[in-house]
């Protein structure tokens, strides 16, 4: 249903929100169905967005996100300040472990909707496959970086967060608020978070939060390994040191 009082920008965002990991290329018919916009309005928007480079028309009469939108996104502090500063530290962690390295932030800040937004990722041929990608989102309660981010939040924020149901991703996902609160307490006490097959079967994650940096959202960095290669003591030491080094680099930048 179309809100007659809805502005042009809100309608543009509604169109852009139709593109997902599973469907990065979408037809005009699919966009019309998902947005509820009148066909004439939608086609005018698609023509303008394509002309401006925010969308690209591809084969099969499909549309994809355009290069101009990517170019603008790269101007975000999450790219030019956080990711660019973090890359050397992520590379060192990858070289030390040979495993996936993830950089994530808390977004949006409201506990009712907050997720782990992945802003950096390094992987290799020997790394175990993961669901994450740069620009992707995953739950806070079932990922290592997500739990590390939860451990940075105060009691009031967490009380509001726990109003949400904790969705089950695997048979090992923590779905009890009481159990997750205990896990968060352990994370704070030892300085790092862990997950064991809670987002993907066979995977273990070790992550640590980065000290608060002015002008950036809460940050966490971590690694994901196969359960048979998971040396928690060694990985936690490397991850915690990387988080400290990154915090210093961001303050000095």
Protein backbone atom coordinates (compact mmCIF):
# COMPACT_ATOMS: atom_id res chain seq x y z
CA UNK A 1 0.00 0.00 0.00
CA UNK A 2 1.30 3.44 -0.94
CA UNK A 3 1.31 6.23 1.62
CA UNK A 4 0.17 9.33 -0.28
CA UNK A 5 2.10 11.52 2.13
CA UNK A 6 5.31 9.58 1.57
CA UNK A 7 8.15 11.66 0.16
CA UNK A 8 10.16 10.90 -2.97
CA UNK A 9 13.26 9.94 -0.99
CA UNK A 10 11.30 7.48 1.14
CA UNK A 11 10.00 5.83 -2.03
CA UNK A 12 13.52 5.62 -3.44
CA UNK A 13 14.71 3.89 -0.26
CA UNK A 14 11.77 1.52 -0.52
CA UNK A 15 12.99 0.54 -4.01
CA UNK A 16 16.61 0.14 -2.90
CA UNK A 17 15.55 -2.02 0.05
CA UNK A 18 14.26 -4.62 -2.42
CA UNK A 19 17.82 -5.69 -3.26
CA UNK A 20 19.14 -8.46 -1.01
CA UNK A 21 21.96 -10.98 -0.68
CA UNK A 22 19.72 -13.62 -2.20
CA UNK A 23 18.44 -11.37 -4.99
CA UNK A 24 20.97 -8.71 -6.02
CA UNK A 25 19.23 -8.43 -9.43
CA UNK A 26 15.49 -7.71 -9.49
CA UNK A 27 12.96 -7.13 -12.30
CA UNK A 28 10.67 -4.12 -12.51
CA UNK A 29 7.71 -6.42 -11.94
CA UNK A 30 9.25 -7.71 -8.72
CA UNK A 31 9.98 -4.16 -7.60
CA UNK A 32 6.40 -3.13 -8.27
CA UNK A 33 5.08 -6.09 -6.31
CA UNK A 34 7.40 -5.49 -3.33
CA UNK A 35 7.07 -1.73 -3.11
CA UNK A 36 3.39 -1.40 -3.95
CA UNK A 37 4.21 1.66 -6.03
CA UNK A 38 2.05 2.47 -9.07
CA UNK A 39 3.68 1.24 -12.28
CA UNK A 40 4.03 4.74 -13.73
CA UNK A 41 5.64 6.07 -10.54
CA UNK A 42 8.01 3.12 -10.31
CA UNK A 43 9.14 3.39 -13.94
CA UNK A 44 9.86 7.10 -13.52
CA UNK A 45 11.92 6.34 -10.43
CA UNK A 46 13.80 3.52 -12.16
CA UNK A 47 14.62 5.76 -15.11
CA UNK A 48 15.93 8.51 -12.83
CA UNK A 49 17.90 6.14 -10.61
CA UNK A 50 19.45 4.49 -13.65
CA UNK A 51 20.34 7.84 -15.21
CA UNK A 52 22.05 8.90 -11.97
CA UNK A 53 24.00 5.64 -11.73
CA UNK A 54 22.30 4.54 -8.53
CA UNK A 55 20.85 1.53 -10.36
CA UNK A 56 22.08 -0.37 -13.42
CA UNK A 57 19.85 -2.16 -15.91
CA UNK A 58 21.20 -5.60 -16.81
CA UNK A 59 20.22 -8.53 -18.99
CA UNK A 60 16.80 -10.01 -18.59
CA UNK A 61 15.29 -6.59 -17.81
CA UNK A 62 16.70 -6.74 -14.33
CA UNK A 63 18.13 -3.98 -12.16
CA UNK A 64 21.12 -4.06 -9.82
CA UNK A 65 22.71 -1.55 -7.45
CA UNK A 66 24.71 0.93 -9.53
CA UNK A 67 28.33 2.07 -9.28
CA UNK A 68 27.40 5.56 -8.12
CA UNK A 69 25.69 4.16 -5.03
CA UNK A 70 28.75 2.05 -4.26
CA UNK A 71 30.99 5.10 -4.81
CA UNK A 72 28.97 7.17 -2.34
CA UNK A 73 28.95 4.35 0.21
CA UNK A 74 32.74 4.24 0.14
CA UNK A 75 32.77 7.79 1.52
CA UNK A 76 31.23 6.59 4.80
CA UNK A 77 33.48 6.76 7.89
CA UNK A 78 32.94 3.02 8.13
CA UNK A 79 35.01 2.76 4.95
CA UNK A 80 37.44 5.67 4.85
CA UNK A 81 38.18 5.75 8.56
CA UNK A 82 37.39 2.38 10.12
CA UNK A 83 37.94 -0.25 7.41
CA UNK A 84 41.01 1.38 5.86
CA UNK A 85 42.66 1.73 9.27
CA UNK A 86 41.65 -1.80 10.26
CA UNK A 87 42.87 -3.61 7.14
CA UNK A 88 46.55 -3.97 8.16
CA UNK A 89 45.50 -5.29 11.57
CA UNK A 90 43.02 -7.69 10.01
CA UNK A 91 45.72 -8.92 7.65
CA UNK A 92 48.11 -9.59 10.52
CA UNK A 93 45.42 -11.55 12.33
CA UNK A 94 44.71 -13.53 9.16
CA UNK A 95 48.41 -14.24 8.63
CA UNK A 96 48.71 -15.46 12.23
CA UNK A 97 45.67 -17.73 12.02
CA UNK A 98 44.98 -18.50 8.36
CA UNK A 99 41.30 -18.13 9.25
CA UNK A 100 38.40 -15.81 8.42
CA UNK A 101 38.67 -12.37 9.99
CA UNK A 102 35.57 -10.24 10.48
CA UNK A 103 35.13 -6.57 11.39
CA UNK A 104 31.66 -5.49 12.50
CA UNK A 105 29.83 -2.56 14.05
CA UNK A 106 26.59 -2.19 15.97
CA UNK A 107 23.87 -0.84 13.68
CA UNK A 108 21.37 0.60 14.17
CA UNK A 109 22.05 1.77 17.73
CA UNK A 110 18.51 1.10 18.99
CA UNK A 111 18.42 -2.21 20.93
CA UNK A 112 15.04 -3.14 19.47
CA UNK A 113 16.54 -3.47 15.98
CA UNK A 114 20.33 -3.59 16.45
CA UNK A 115 22.40 -6.08 14.44
CA UNK A 116 26.03 -6.79 13.65
CA UNK A 117 26.83 -4.96 10.41
CA UNK A 118 29.91 -6.48 8.74
CA UNK A 119 32.19 -3.75 7.38
CA UNK A 120 35.34 -5.79 6.72
CA UNK A 121 36.21 -9.39 5.90
CA UNK A 122 39.37 -11.30 5.01
CA UNK A 123 39.30 -14.92 3.98
CA UNK A 124 41.48 -17.41 2.13
CA UNK A 125 41.32 -20.69 0.25
CA UNK A 126 41.83 -22.72 3.42
CA UNK A 127 39.35 -20.71 5.49
CA UNK A 128 36.06 -22.36 6.39
CA UNK A 129 33.05 -20.99 4.45
CA UNK A 130 30.90 -18.49 6.36
CA UNK A 131 27.64 -16.64 5.74
CA UNK A 132 29.15 -13.21 6.29
CA UNK A 133 29.98 -10.61 3.65
CA UNK A 134 30.94 -6.96 3.74
CA UNK A 135 27.73 -5.00 4.05
CA UNK A 136 25.88 -8.02 5.39
CA UNK A 137 24.06 -8.23 8.69
CA UNK A 138 23.76 -11.00 11.25
CA UNK A 139 22.16 -11.36 14.68
CA UNK A 140 24.02 -10.19 17.76
CA UNK A 141 23.20 -13.21 19.92
CA UNK A 142 24.53 -15.92 17.58
CA UNK A 143 27.79 -14.42 16.24
CA UNK A 144 31.13 -13.86 17.93
CA UNK A 145 31.38 -10.20 16.93
CA UNK A 146 27.73 -9.78 17.90
CA UNK A 147 28.28 -11.11 21.41
CA UNK A 148 31.37 -8.91 21.76
CA UNK A 149 29.22 -5.92 20.83
CA UNK A 150 26.51 -6.94 23.31
CA UNK A 151 29.14 -6.99 26.06
CA UNK A 152 29.75 -3.26 25.48
CA UNK A 153 26.13 -2.32 26.19
CA UNK A 154 24.81 -1.15 29.56
CA UNK A 155 22.02 -2.76 31.61
CA UNK A 156 19.22 -0.51 30.33
CA UNK A 157 20.17 -1.16 26.70
CA UNK A 158 20.29 -4.92 27.28
CA UNK A 159 16.91 -4.89 29.04
CA UNK A 160 15.40 -3.34 25.91
CA UNK A 161 17.31 -5.77 23.68
CA UNK A 162 15.97 -8.80 25.51
CA UNK A 163 12.40 -7.80 24.76
CA UNK A 164 13.15 -9.21 21.30
CA UNK A 165 12.90 -12.98 20.74
CA UNK A 166 16.27 -14.68 20.21
CA UNK A 167 15.86 -16.49 16.91
CA UNK A 168 17.34 -19.97 16.57
CA UNK A 169 19.94 -20.20 13.78
CA UNK A 170 21.17 -23.73 14.61
CA UNK A 171 20.45 -26.32 17.27
CA UNK A 172 23.25 -24.71 19.34
CA UNK A 173 21.99 -21.11 19.23
CA UNK A 174 21.33 -19.58 22.64
CA UNK A 175 17.66 -18.57 22.71
CA UNK A 176 17.30 -18.05 26.46
CA UNK A 177 17.76 -14.49 27.71
CA UNK A 178 19.04 -15.77 31.05
CA UNK A 179 21.67 -18.00 29.42
CA UNK A 180 22.77 -15.23 27.06
CA UNK A 181 23.10 -12.78 29.95
CA UNK A 182 25.43 -15.27 31.65
CA UNK A 183 27.41 -15.59 28.41
CA UNK A 184 27.72 -11.79 28.18
CA UNK A 185 29.00 -11.70 31.77
CA UNK A 186 31.66 -14.29 30.88
CA UNK A 187 32.62 -12.26 27.83
CA UNK A 188 33.19 -9.17 29.96
CA UNK A 189 35.16 -11.10 32.58
CA UNK A 190 37.62 -12.71 30.17
CA UNK A 191 37.73 -9.93 27.56
CA UNK A 192 36.49 -11.86 24.53
CA UNK A 193 33.37 -13.58 23.19
CA UNK A 194 32.92 -17.05 21.72
CA UNK A 195 30.31 -18.95 19.76
CA UNK A 196 30.32 -22.67 19.11
CA UNK A 197 28.20 -23.67 16.12
CA UNK A 198 25.62 -21.05 17.05
CA UNK A 199 25.42 -19.37 13.62
CA UNK A 200 26.78 -22.13 11.37
CA UNK A 201 27.33 -25.78 12.22
CA UNK A 202 31.01 -26.72 12.45
CA UNK A 203 32.17 -23.15 13.08
CA UNK A 204 33.66 -21.56 16.18
CA UNK A 205 34.11 -17.81 16.54
CA UNK A 206 36.34 -15.81 18.87
CA UNK A 207 35.86 -12.03 18.95
CA UNK A 208 36.66 -8.95 21.02
CA UNK A 209 35.27 -5.45 21.15
CA UNK A 210 37.39 -2.44 20.25
CA UNK A 211 37.58 0.36 22.83
CA UNK A 212 35.10 3.16 22.14
CA UNK A 213 36.20 5.49 19.36
CA UNK A 214 34.64 8.95 19.06
CA UNK A 215 32.64 9.35 15.85
CA UNK A 216 32.28 5.63 15.18
CA UNK A 217 29.70 3.08 16.34
CA UNK A 218 30.73 0.25 18.68
CA UNK A 219 33.23 -2.03 16.90
CA UNK A 220 34.21 -5.69 17.24
CA UNK A 221 36.77 -7.85 15.46
CA UNK A 222 36.95 -11.61 15.40
CA UNK A 223 37.89 -14.79 13.63
CA UNK A 224 35.85 -17.83 12.58
CA UNK A 225 37.46 -21.27 12.42
CA UNK A 226 36.43 -24.88 11.99
CA UNK A 227 35.62 -26.49 15.31
CA UNK A 228 38.43 -29.04 14.86
CA UNK A 229 41.01 -26.24 14.56
CA UNK A 230 39.64 -24.05 17.32
CA UNK A 231 42.43 -23.33 19.82
CA UNK A 232 40.50 -20.85 21.96
CA UNK A 233 43.43 -19.87 24.16
CA UNK A 234 45.67 -18.98 21.22
CA UNK A 235 42.94 -17.34 19.13
CA UNK A 236 41.64 -15.23 22.01
CA UNK A 237 45.11 -13.87 22.73
CA UNK A 238 45.58 -12.87 19.09
CA UNK A 239 42.11 -11.37 18.74
CA UNK A 240 42.29 -9.33 21.96
CA UNK A 241 45.69 -7.93 21.01
CA UNK A 242 44.40 -7.05 17.54
CA UNK A 243 41.46 -5.19 19.08
CA UNK A 244 43.84 -3.20 21.29
CA UNK A 245 46.15 -2.39 18.38
CA UNK A 246 43.22 -1.29 16.23
CA UNK A 247 41.87 0.99 18.95
CA UNK A 248 45.26 2.71 19.23
CA UNK A 249 45.55 3.08 15.46
CA UNK A 250 42.09 4.62 15.23
CA UNK A 251 42.86 7.12 17.99
CA UNK A 252 46.15 8.06 16.33
CA UNK A 253 44.68 8.35 12.83
